[in-house]
């Protein structure tokens, strides 16, 4: 059961990270978001 919860946490963390990257990438470009712009 613990393993299942850990996997779910990892998947949701990666999903949230990708969503944030894609949203900021659409707005100002990936290089801009990485450099803090």
C-alpha atoms as a PDB file:
ATOM      1  CA  UNK A   1       0.000   0.000   0.000  1.00  0.00           C
ATOM      2  CA  UNK A   2       2.827   2.387   0.812  1.00  0.00           C
ATOM      3  CA  UNK A   3       4.392   1.680  -2.587  1.00  0.00           C
ATOM      4  CA  UNK A   4       1.147   2.591  -4.351  1.00  0.00           C
ATOM      5  CA  UNK A   5       0.933   5.901  -2.486  1.00  0.00           C
ATOM      6  CA  UNK A   6       4.564   6.681  -3.272  1.00  0.00           C
ATOM      7  CA  UNK A   7       4.017   6.012  -6.983  1.00  0.00           C
ATOM      8  CA  UNK A   8       0.902   8.200  -6.980  1.00  0.00           C
ATOM      9  CA  UNK A   9       2.821  11.019  -5.301  1.00  0.00           C
ATOM     10  CA  UNK A  10       5.623  10.767  -7.860  1.00  0.00           C
ATOM     11  CA  UNK A  11       3.183  10.800 -10.780  1.00  0.00           C
ATOM     12  CA  UNK A  12       1.291  13.806  -9.453  1.00  0.00           C
ATOM     13  CA  UNK A  13       4.518  15.685  -8.703  1.00  0.00           C
ATOM     14  CA  UNK A  14       5.816  15.111 -12.237  1.00  0.00           C
ATOM     15  CA  UNK A  15       2.438  16.069 -13.707  1.00  0.00           C
ATOM     16  CA  UNK A  16       2.293  19.336 -11.757  1.00  0.00           C
ATOM     17  CA  UNK A  17       5.876  20.155 -12.755  1.00  0.00           C
ATOM     18  CA  UNK A  18       5.159  19.519 -16.431  1.00  0.00           C
ATOM     19  CA  UNK A  19       1.982  21.607 -16.335  1.00  0.00           C
ATOM     20  CA  UNK A  20       3.818  24.539 -14.752  1.00  0.00           C
ATOM     21  CA  UNK A  21       6.667  24.273 -17.262  1.00  0.00           C
ATOM     22  CA  UNK A  22       4.293  24.119 -20.220  1.00  0.00           C
ATOM     23  CA  UNK A  23       2.231  27.073 -18.981  1.00  0.00           C
ATOM     24  CA  UNK A  24       5.266  29.276 -18.369  1.00  0.00           C
ATOM     25  CA  UNK A  25       6.752  28.060 -21.651  1.00  0.00           C
ATOM     26  CA  UNK A  26       3.675  29.201 -23.538  1.00  0.00           C
ATOM     27  CA  UNK A  27       3.851  32.610 -21.889  1.00  0.00           C
ATOM     28  CA  UNK A  28       7.509  33.592 -22.100  1.00  0.00           C
ATOM     29  CA  UNK A  29       9.483  30.726 -23.606  1.00  0.00           C
ATOM     30  CA  UNK A  30      11.222  27.904 -21.747  1.00  0.00           C
ATOM     31  CA  UNK A  31      14.568  29.718 -21.610  1.00  0.00           C
ATOM     32  CA  UNK A  32      12.882  32.722 -20.013  1.00  0.00           C
ATOM     33  CA  UNK A  33      11.248  30.633 -17.297  1.00  0.00           C
ATOM     34  CA  UNK A  34      14.475  28.759 -16.549  1.00  0.00           C
ATOM     35  CA  UNK A  35      16.522  31.957 -16.216  1.00  0.00           C
ATOM     36  CA  UNK A  36      13.932  33.488 -13.905  1.00  0.00           C
ATOM     37  CA  UNK A  37      12.147  35.688 -16.401  1.00  0.00           C
END
